[in-house]
Amino acid sequence: MTHPSPPPARRPRTGILAGAPVTQAIVIVTVACWLVGLIPGVELGRLLGFSPLLSATEPWRALSVMLVHADVLHLLFNMVGVLLFGSFVERSLGHARFLAVYLLSGLGGSAAVLLLAAPYEPGWFSLHVGASGALFGLLGVVLTPTRSLDRNWGGAAAFLVLNVIYSVVSQGISWESHLGGLVVGFGLGCAALLPRRGERSTRDRAVTVWFWAAAGVLLVTMVVAVLPGLRASALMAG
């Protein structure tokens, strides 16, 4: 009598999106918003884009800006970047911390736009769209000075340099959102990935505390920094 052989063990998933469900969800939702925006009469860019003038009366735009893009090339560029860097960052930080980096970096991009704009100048009335701030936040994590990440540092640096050059030679690129997102992502990356001394369990707890403490400090700092701009926005909006 022979016993049936056990079923073969399932191989772990491999590939760029393995272990990165939040990254996948972000791309799916963002592409879905693009498709909805193609419906005649539906102007999601106008409804969800960020403008310093509207920042006080419609504050949700500081985050909703990440869902809308100027054109299909803008969408494609940002989503390819999110797939390349986001999947890696999510596997490195975990789902919750990755989502926090993405959202806070996007918020940091909007905060930088508001902070660096001046009332009554063209930039104050301009409508900004895109997930570039959030994408640059992910890039900031990858550029964290640590050896604990098995990452393509050269690829991330080249991506950053190409974007800087493109921002200089092209019109309408929001370098402010790029800068704001990069700074926030780099700060959170340092909080999560720089080495800690002690036993593994102690290090893990310290990393968690440091990361969420840094997230809170960065959030408060951004709010305080843009308070004058918010007051100006409220006055101009009537």
C-alpha atoms as a PDB file:
ATOM      1  CA  MET A   1       0.000   0.000   0.000  1.00  0.00           C
ATOM      2  CA  THR A   2       1.405   3.341  -0.966  1.00  0.00           C
ATOM      3  CA  HIS A   3       0.675   6.627   0.691  1.00  0.00           C
ATOM      4  CA  PRO A   4      -0.137   9.633  -1.475  1.00  0.00           C
ATOM      5  CA  SER A   5       2.746  12.014  -1.724  1.00  0.00           C
ATOM      6  CA  PRO A   6       2.229  15.358  -0.020  1.00  0.00           C
ATOM      7  CA  PRO A   7       1.388  18.266  -2.282  1.00  0.00           C
ATOM      8  CA  PRO A   8       4.389  20.304  -3.333  1.00  0.00           C
ATOM      9  CA  ALA A   9       5.136  23.277  -1.155  1.00  0.00           C
ATOM     10  CA  ARG A  10       3.903  26.534  -2.572  1.00  0.00           C
ATOM     11  CA  ARG A  11       6.681  28.773  -3.679  1.00  0.00           C
ATOM     12  CA  PRO A  12       6.750  32.226  -2.157  1.00  0.00           C
ATOM     13  CA  ARG A  13       5.624  34.994  -4.447  1.00  0.00           C
ATOM     14  CA  THR A  14       8.393  36.811  -6.216  1.00  0.00           C
ATOM     15  CA  GLY A  15       8.402  39.954  -8.254  1.00  0.00           C
ATOM     16  CA  ILE A  16       8.295  43.677  -7.840  1.00  0.00           C
ATOM     17  CA  LEU A  17       4.856  43.716  -6.166  1.00  0.00           C
ATOM     18  CA  ALA A  18       5.386  40.777  -3.823  1.00  0.00           C
ATOM     19  CA  GLY A  19       4.504  41.739  -0.268  1.00  0.00           C
ATOM     20  CA  ALA A  20       3.363  45.235  -1.242  1.00  0.00           C
ATOM     21  CA  PRO A  21      -0.460  45.337  -1.131  1.00  0.00           C
ATOM     22  CA  VAL A  22      -0.596  49.002  -0.093  1.00  0.00           C
ATOM     23  CA  THR A  23       1.531  49.984  -3.078  1.00  0.00           C
ATOM     24  CA  GLN A  24      -0.810  48.075  -5.352  1.00  0.00           C
ATOM     25  CA  ALA A  25      -3.869  49.704  -3.780  1.00  0.00           C
ATOM     26  CA  ILE A  26      -2.383  53.188  -4.213  1.00  0.00           C
ATOM     27  CA  VAL A  27      -1.703  52.592  -7.904  1.00  0.00           C
ATOM     28  CA  ILE A  28      -5.152  51.062  -8.495  1.00  0.00           C
ATOM     29  CA  VAL A  29      -6.976  53.922  -6.763  1.00  0.00           C
ATOM     30  CA  THR A  30      -4.907  56.578  -8.537  1.00  0.00           C
ATOM     31  CA  VAL A  31      -5.432  55.028 -11.979  1.00  0.00           C
ATOM     32  CA  ALA A  32      -9.151  54.650 -11.204  1.00  0.00           C
ATOM     33  CA  CYS A  33      -9.339  58.374 -10.419  1.00  0.00           C
ATOM     34  CA  TRP A  34      -7.663  59.112 -13.748  1.00  0.00           C
ATOM     35  CA  LEU A  35     -10.232  57.014 -15.577  1.00  0.00           C
ATOM     36  CA  VAL A  36     -13.105  58.699 -13.733  1.00  0.00           C
ATOM     37  CA  GLY A  37     -11.638  62.057 -14.707  1.00  0.00           C
ATOM     38  CA  LEU A  38     -11.943  61.083 -18.372  1.00  0.00           C
ATOM     39  CA  ILE A  39     -15.750  61.089 -18.101  1.00  0.00           C
ATOM     40  CA  PRO A  40     -17.088  64.208 -19.828  1.00  0.00           C
ATOM     41  CA  GLY A  41     -18.068  66.853 -17.311  1.00  0.00           C
ATOM     42  CA  VAL A  42     -16.108  65.280 -14.455  1.00  0.00           C
ATOM     43  CA  GLU A  43     -13.183  67.580 -13.679  1.00  0.00           C
ATOM     44  CA  LEU A  44     -11.420  65.818 -10.827  1.00  0.00           C
ATOM     45  CA  GLY A  45      -8.311  67.931 -11.235  1.00  0.00           C
ATOM     46  CA  ARG A  46     -10.290  71.077 -10.515  1.00  0.00           C
ATOM     47  CA  LEU A  47     -12.119  69.431  -7.618  1.00  0.00           C
ATOM     48  CA  LEU A  48      -9.165  67.700  -5.931  1.00  0.00           C
ATOM     49  CA  GLY A  49      -6.073  69.658  -6.988  1.00  0.00           C
ATOM     50  CA  PHE A  50      -4.189  71.758  -4.435  1.00  0.00           C
ATOM     51  CA  SER A  51      -4.041  75.542  -4.490  1.00  0.00           C
ATOM     52  CA  PRO A  52      -2.569  77.811  -1.795  1.00  0.00           C
ATOM     53  CA  LEU A  53      -5.582  80.090  -2.234  1.00  0.00           C
ATOM     54  CA  LEU A  54      -7.966  77.261  -1.286  1.00  0.00           C
ATOM     55  CA  SER A  55      -5.817  75.632   1.396  1.00  0.00           C
ATOM     56  CA  ALA A  56      -7.689  77.123   4.373  1.00  0.00           C
ATOM     57  CA  THR A  57     -11.250  76.683   3.145  1.00  0.00           C
ATOM     58  CA  GLU A  58     -10.704  73.269   1.497  1.00  0.00           C
ATOM     59  CA  PRO A  59      -7.817  71.690   3.466  1.00  0.00           C
ATOM     60  CA  TRP A  60      -8.460  68.141   2.179  1.00  0.00           C
ATOM     61  CA  ARG A  61      -6.895  69.204  -1.106  1.00  0.00           C
ATOM     62  CA  ALA A  62      -3.469  68.901   0.533  1.00  0.00           C
ATOM     63  CA  LEU A  63      -3.935  65.110   0.334  1.00  0.00           C
ATOM     64  CA  SER A  64      -6.448  64.668  -2.497  1.00  0.00           C
ATOM     65  CA  VAL A  65      -3.944  66.291  -4.860  1.00  0.00           C
ATOM     66  CA  MET A  66      -2.147  62.921  -4.947  1.00  0.00           C
ATOM     67  CA  LEU A  67      -5.098  61.326  -6.744  1.00  0.00           C
ATOM     68  CA  VAL A  68      -5.186  63.553  -9.838  1.00  0.00           C
ATOM     69  CA  HIS A  69      -2.686  64.169 -12.630  1.00  0.00           C
ATOM     70  CA  ALA A  70      -2.275  66.596 -15.492  1.00  0.00           C
ATOM     71  CA  ASP A  71      -2.080  64.020 -18.298  1.00  0.00           C
ATOM     72  CA  VAL A  72      -1.416  60.363 -18.951  1.00  0.00           C
ATOM     73  CA  LEU A  73       2.380  60.829 -19.101  1.00  0.00           C
ATOM     74  CA  HIS A  74       2.318  62.561 -15.723  1.00  0.00           C
ATOM     75  CA  LEU A  75       0.270  59.678 -14.306  1.00  0.00           C
ATOM     76  CA  LEU A  76       2.493  57.036 -15.910  1.00  0.00           C
ATOM     77  CA  PHE A  77       5.704  58.600 -14.652  1.00  0.00           C
ATOM     78  CA  ASN A  78       4.479  58.887 -11.068  1.00  0.00           C
ATOM     79  CA  MET A  79       2.909  55.431 -10.905  1.00  0.00           C
ATOM     80  CA  VAL A  80       5.983  53.735 -12.371  1.00  0.00           C
ATOM     81  CA  GLY A  81       8.023  55.490  -9.687  1.00  0.00           C
ATOM     82  CA  VAL A  82       5.593  54.386  -6.976  1.00  0.00           C
ATOM     83  CA  LEU A  83       5.812  50.787  -8.209  1.00  0.00           C
ATOM     84  CA  LEU A  84       9.617  50.813  -8.395  1.00  0.00           C
ATOM     85  CA  PHE A  85      10.320  52.493  -5.065  1.00  0.00           C
ATOM     86  CA  GLY A  86       7.070  51.996  -3.165  1.00  0.00           C
ATOM     87  CA  SER A  87       7.091  48.193  -3.289  1.00  0.00           C
ATOM     88  CA  PHE A  88      10.637  48.143  -1.940  1.00  0.00           C
ATOM     89  CA  VAL A  89       9.926  50.703   0.798  1.00  0.00           C
ATOM     90  CA  GLU A  90       6.752  48.869   1.858  1.00  0.00           C
ATOM     91  CA  ARG A  91       8.636  45.591   2.288  1.00  0.00           C
ATOM     92  CA  SER A  92      11.326  47.404   4.267  1.00  0.00           C
ATOM     93  CA  LEU A  93       9.109  49.461   6.589  1.00  0.00           C
ATOM     94  CA  GLY A  94       5.918  47.434   6.786  1.00  0.00           C
ATOM     95  CA  HIS A  95       2.469  48.354   5.537  1.00  0.00           C
ATOM     96  CA  ALA A  96       1.425  50.917   8.176  1.00  0.00           C
ATOM     97  CA  ARG A  97       4.688  52.854   8.195  1.00  0.00           C
ATOM     98  CA  PHE A  98       4.851  52.802   4.403  1.00  0.00           C
ATOM     99  CA  LEU A  99       1.364  54.302   4.172  1.00  0.00           C
ATOM    100  CA  ALA A 100       2.334  56.937   6.758  1.00  0.00           C
ATOM    101  CA  VAL A 101       5.412  57.856   4.689  1.00  0.00           C
ATOM    102  CA  TYR A 102       3.355  58.131   1.520  1.00  0.00           C
ATOM    103  CA  LEU A 103       0.620  60.305   3.032  1.00  0.00           C
ATOM    104  CA  LEU A 104       2.911  62.523   5.106  1.00  0.00           C
ATOM    105  CA  SER A 105       5.254  63.037   2.143  1.00  0.00           C
ATOM    106  CA  GLY A 106       2.307  64.048  -0.030  1.00  0.00           C
ATOM    107  CA  LEU A 107       1.222  66.423   2.725  1.00  0.00           C
ATOM    108  CA  GLY A 108       4.772  67.708   2.952  1.00  0.00           C
ATOM    109  CA  GLY A 109       4.715  68.498  -0.756  1.00  0.00           C
ATOM    110  CA  SER A 110       1.531  70.536  -0.366  1.00  0.00           C
ATOM    111  CA  ALA A 111       2.937  72.252   2.722  1.00  0.00           C
ATOM    112  CA  ALA A 112       6.061  73.255   0.807  1.00  0.00           C
ATOM    113  CA  VAL A 113       3.947  74.697  -2.017  1.00  0.00           C
ATOM    114  CA  LEU A 114       1.975  76.775   0.484  1.00  0.00           C
ATOM    115  CA  LEU A 115       5.050  77.755   2.485  1.00  0.00           C
ATOM    116  CA  LEU A 116       7.038  78.948  -0.535  1.00  0.00           C
ATOM    117  CA  ALA A 117       4.159  80.698  -2.314  1.00  0.00           C
ATOM    118  CA  ALA A 118       3.441  84.388  -1.779  1.00  0.00           C
ATOM    119  CA  PRO A 119      -0.076  85.890  -1.678  1.00  0.00           C
ATOM    120  CA  TYR A 120      -1.150  87.757  -4.820  1.00  0.00           C
ATOM    121  CA  GLU A 121       1.617  86.150  -6.900  1.00  0.00           C
ATOM    122  CA  PRO A 122       0.772  83.633  -9.691  1.00  0.00           C
ATOM    123  CA  GLY A 123       1.921  80.648  -7.652  1.00  0.00           C
ATOM    124  CA  TRP A 124      -0.682  81.441  -5.017  1.00  0.00           C
ATOM    125  CA  PHE A 125      -3.549  80.874  -7.444  1.00  0.00           C
ATOM    126  CA  SER A 126      -2.029  77.961  -9.402  1.00  0.00           C
ATOM    127  CA  LEU A 127      -3.647  74.535  -9.175  1.00  0.00           C
ATOM    128  CA  HIS A 128      -1.177  71.760  -8.399  1.00  0.00           C
ATOM    129  CA  VAL A 129      -1.890  68.109  -9.235  1.00  0.00           C
ATOM    130  CA  GLY A 130      -0.010  64.841  -8.917  1.00  0.00           C
ATOM    131  CA  ALA A 131       1.557  62.405  -6.457  1.00  0.00           C
ATOM    132  CA  SER A 132       5.063  63.763  -6.965  1.00  0.00           C
ATOM    133  CA  GLY A 133       5.468  64.845  -3.341  1.00  0.00           C
ATOM    134  CA  ALA A 134       4.543  61.370  -2.103  1.00  0.00           C
ATOM    135  CA  LEU A 135       6.794  59.731  -4.709  1.00  0.00           C
ATOM    136  CA  PHE A 136       9.747  61.876  -3.677  1.00  0.00           C
ATOM    137  CA  GLY A 137       9.050  60.908  -0.075  1.00  0.00           C
ATOM    138  CA  LEU A 138       9.583  57.268  -1.038  1.00  0.00           C
ATOM    139  CA  LEU A 139      12.758  58.319  -2.803  1.00  0.00           C
ATOM    140  CA  GLY A 140      13.888  60.047   0.401  1.00  0.00           C
ATOM    141  CA  VAL A 141      13.520  56.762   2.290  1.00  0.00           C
ATOM    142  CA  VAL A 142      15.618  54.924  -0.301  1.00  0.00           C
ATOM    143  CA  LEU A 143      18.340  57.591   0.031  1.00  0.00           C
ATOM    144  CA  THR A 144      18.566  57.146   3.815  1.00  0.00           C
ATOM    145  CA  PRO A 145      22.261  56.725   4.792  1.00  0.00           C
ATOM    146  CA  THR A 146      22.120  53.151   6.075  1.00  0.00           C
ATOM    147  CA  ARG A 147      23.529  49.786   5.067  1.00  0.00           C
ATOM    148  CA  SER A 148      20.446  47.931   6.306  1.00  0.00           C
ATOM    149  CA  LEU A 149      18.726  48.310   2.939  1.00  0.00           C
ATOM    150  CA  ASP A 150      19.550  46.121  -0.036  1.00  0.00           C
ATOM    151  CA  ARG A 151      18.622  48.825  -2.517  1.00  0.00           C
ATOM    152  CA  ASN A 152      19.747  50.260  -5.824  1.00  0.00           C
ATOM    153  CA  TRP A 153      21.078  53.520  -4.408  1.00  0.00           C
ATOM    154  CA  GLY A 154      22.526  54.548  -7.759  1.00  0.00           C
ATOM    155  CA  GLY A 155      19.155  54.123  -9.476  1.00  0.00           C
ATOM    156  CA  ALA A 156      17.441  56.278  -6.867  1.00  0.00           C
ATOM    157  CA  ALA A 157      20.106  58.972  -7.163  1.00  0.00           C
ATOM    158  CA  ALA A 158      19.864  58.941 -10.966  1.00  0.00           C
ATOM    159  CA  PHE A 159      16.059  59.215 -10.752  1.00  0.00           C
ATOM    160  CA  LEU A 160      16.433  62.233  -8.454  1.00  0.00           C
ATOM    161  CA  VAL A 161      19.008  63.960 -10.693  1.00  0.00           C
ATOM    162  CA  LEU A 162      16.900  63.442 -13.817  1.00  0.00           C
ATOM    163  CA  ASN A 163      13.899  64.959 -12.054  1.00  0.00           C
ATOM    164  CA  VAL A 164      15.903  67.976 -10.932  1.00  0.00           C
ATOM    165  CA  ILE A 165      17.111  68.560 -14.501  1.00  0.00           C
ATOM    166  CA  TYR A 166      13.598  68.091 -15.894  1.00  0.00           C
ATOM    167  CA  SER A 167      12.201  70.554 -13.341  1.00  0.00           C
ATOM    168  CA  VAL A 168      14.759  73.165 -14.399  1.00  0.00           C
ATOM    169  CA  VAL A 169      14.209  72.887 -18.152  1.00  0.00           C
ATOM    170  CA  SER A 170      10.428  72.380 -18.142  1.00  0.00           C
ATOM    171  CA  GLN A 171       7.572  74.710 -17.386  1.00  0.00           C
ATOM    172  CA  GLY A 172       4.882  73.988 -14.820  1.00  0.00           C
ATOM    173  CA  ILE A 173       6.830  71.491 -12.687  1.00  0.00           C
ATOM    174  CA  SER A 174       6.127  71.884  -8.969  1.00  0.00           C
ATOM    175  CA  TRP A 175       9.653  71.613  -7.584  1.00  0.00           C
ATOM    176  CA  GLU A 176       8.293  72.794  -4.228  1.00  0.00           C
ATOM    177  CA  SER A 177       6.230  69.625  -3.798  1.00  0.00           C
ATOM    178  CA  HIS A 178       9.224  67.515  -4.822  1.00  0.00           C
ATOM    179  CA  LEU A 179      11.398  69.195  -2.209  1.00  0.00           C
ATOM    180  CA  GLY A 180       8.807  68.990   0.552  1.00  0.00           C
ATOM    181  CA  GLY A 181       8.115  65.320  -0.055  1.00  0.00           C
ATOM    182  CA  LEU A 182      11.810  64.455  -0.256  1.00  0.00           C
ATOM    183  CA  VAL A 183      12.597  66.149   3.074  1.00  0.00           C
ATOM    184  CA  VAL A 184       9.717  64.431   4.880  1.00  0.00           C
ATOM    185  CA  GLY A 185      10.528  61.014   3.414  1.00  0.00           C
ATOM    186  CA  PHE A 186      14.208  61.336   4.257  1.00  0.00           C
ATOM    187  CA  GLY A 187      13.395  62.300   7.851  1.00  0.00           C
ATOM    188  CA  LEU A 188      11.028  59.369   8.297  1.00  0.00           C
ATOM    189  CA  GLY A 189      13.494  57.029   6.611  1.00  0.00           C
ATOM    190  CA  CYS A 190      16.208  58.041   9.071  1.00  0.00           C
ATOM    191  CA  ALA A 191      13.837  57.496  11.999  1.00  0.00           C
ATOM    192  CA  ALA A 192      12.926  54.019  10.771  1.00  0.00           C
ATOM    193  CA  LEU A 193      16.166  52.696   9.332  1.00  0.00           C
ATOM    194  CA  LEU A 194      19.191  54.151  11.108  1.00  0.00           C
ATOM    195  CA  PRO A 195      20.785  51.506  13.338  1.00  0.00           C
ATOM    196  CA  ARG A 196      19.862  51.153  17.014  1.00  0.00           C
ATOM    197  CA  ARG A 197      21.909  49.404  19.685  1.00  0.00           C
ATOM    198  CA  GLY A 198      20.597  46.594  21.845  1.00  0.00           C
ATOM    199  CA  GLU A 199      18.782  43.314  21.395  1.00  0.00           C
ATOM    200  CA  ARG A 200      16.594  42.756  18.374  1.00  0.00           C
ATOM    201  CA  SER A 201      13.277  43.093  20.227  1.00  0.00           C
ATOM    202  CA  THR A 202      14.493  46.253  21.943  1.00  0.00           C
ATOM    203  CA  ARG A 203      15.683  47.691  18.629  1.00  0.00           C
ATOM    204  CA  ASP A 204      12.335  46.931  16.994  1.00  0.00           C
ATOM    205  CA  ARG A 205      10.444  48.730  19.752  1.00  0.00           C
ATOM    206  CA  ALA A 206      12.834  51.675  19.551  1.00  0.00           C
ATOM    207  CA  VAL A 207      12.384  51.900  15.789  1.00  0.00           C
ATOM    208  CA  THR A 208       8.610  51.945  16.173  1.00  0.00           C
ATOM    209  CA  VAL A 209       8.751  54.683  18.818  1.00  0.00           C
ATOM    210  CA  TRP A 210      11.259  56.771  16.859  1.00  0.00           C
ATOM    211  CA  PHE A 211       9.311  56.488  13.622  1.00  0.00           C
ATOM    212  CA  TRP A 212       5.933  57.539  15.010  1.00  0.00           C
ATOM    213  CA  ALA A 213       7.524  60.252  17.147  1.00  0.00           C
ATOM    214  CA  ALA A 214       9.259  61.629  14.045  1.00  0.00           C
ATOM    215  CA  ALA A 215       5.980  61.429  12.111  1.00  0.00           C
ATOM    216  CA  GLY A 216       4.221  63.453  14.805  1.00  0.00           C
ATOM    217  CA  VAL A 217       6.986  66.048  14.984  1.00  0.00           C
ATOM    218  CA  LEU A 218       7.048  66.450  11.198  1.00  0.00           C
ATOM    219  CA  LEU A 219       3.263  66.811  11.064  1.00  0.00           C
ATOM    220  CA  VAL A 220       3.230  69.487  13.765  1.00  0.00           C
ATOM    221  CA  THR A 221       6.170  71.269  12.119  1.00  0.00           C
ATOM    222  CA  MET A 222       4.389  71.374   8.767  1.00  0.00           C
ATOM    223  CA  VAL A 223       1.205  72.760  10.307  1.00  0.00           C
ATOM    224  CA  VAL A 224       3.058  75.450  12.245  1.00  0.00           C
ATOM    225  CA  ALA A 225       5.138  76.400   9.196  1.00  0.00           C
ATOM    226  CA  VAL A 226       2.095  76.982   6.976  1.00  0.00           C
ATOM    227  CA  LEU A 227      -0.095  78.789   9.534  1.00  0.00           C
ATOM    228  CA  PRO A 228       0.671  82.264   8.091  1.00  0.00           C
ATOM    229  CA  GLY A 229      -0.225  81.002   4.624  1.00  0.00           C
ATOM    230  CA  LEU A 230      -3.450  79.451   5.920  1.00  0.00           C
ATOM    231  CA  ARG A 231      -4.442  82.741   7.536  1.00  0.00           C
ATOM    232  CA  ALA A 232      -3.695  84.594   4.303  1.00  0.00           C
ATOM    233  CA  SER A 233      -5.712  82.048   2.352  1.00  0.00           C
ATOM    234  CA  ALA A 234      -8.681  82.439   4.696  1.00  0.00           C
ATOM    235  CA  LEU A 235      -8.587  86.230   4.393  1.00  0.00           C
ATOM    236  CA  MET A 236      -8.331  86.172   0.592  1.00  0.00           C
ATOM    237  CA  ALA A 237     -11.125  83.612   0.292  1.00  0.00           C
ATOM    238  CA  GLY A 238     -13.391  85.945   2.238  1.00  0.00           C
END
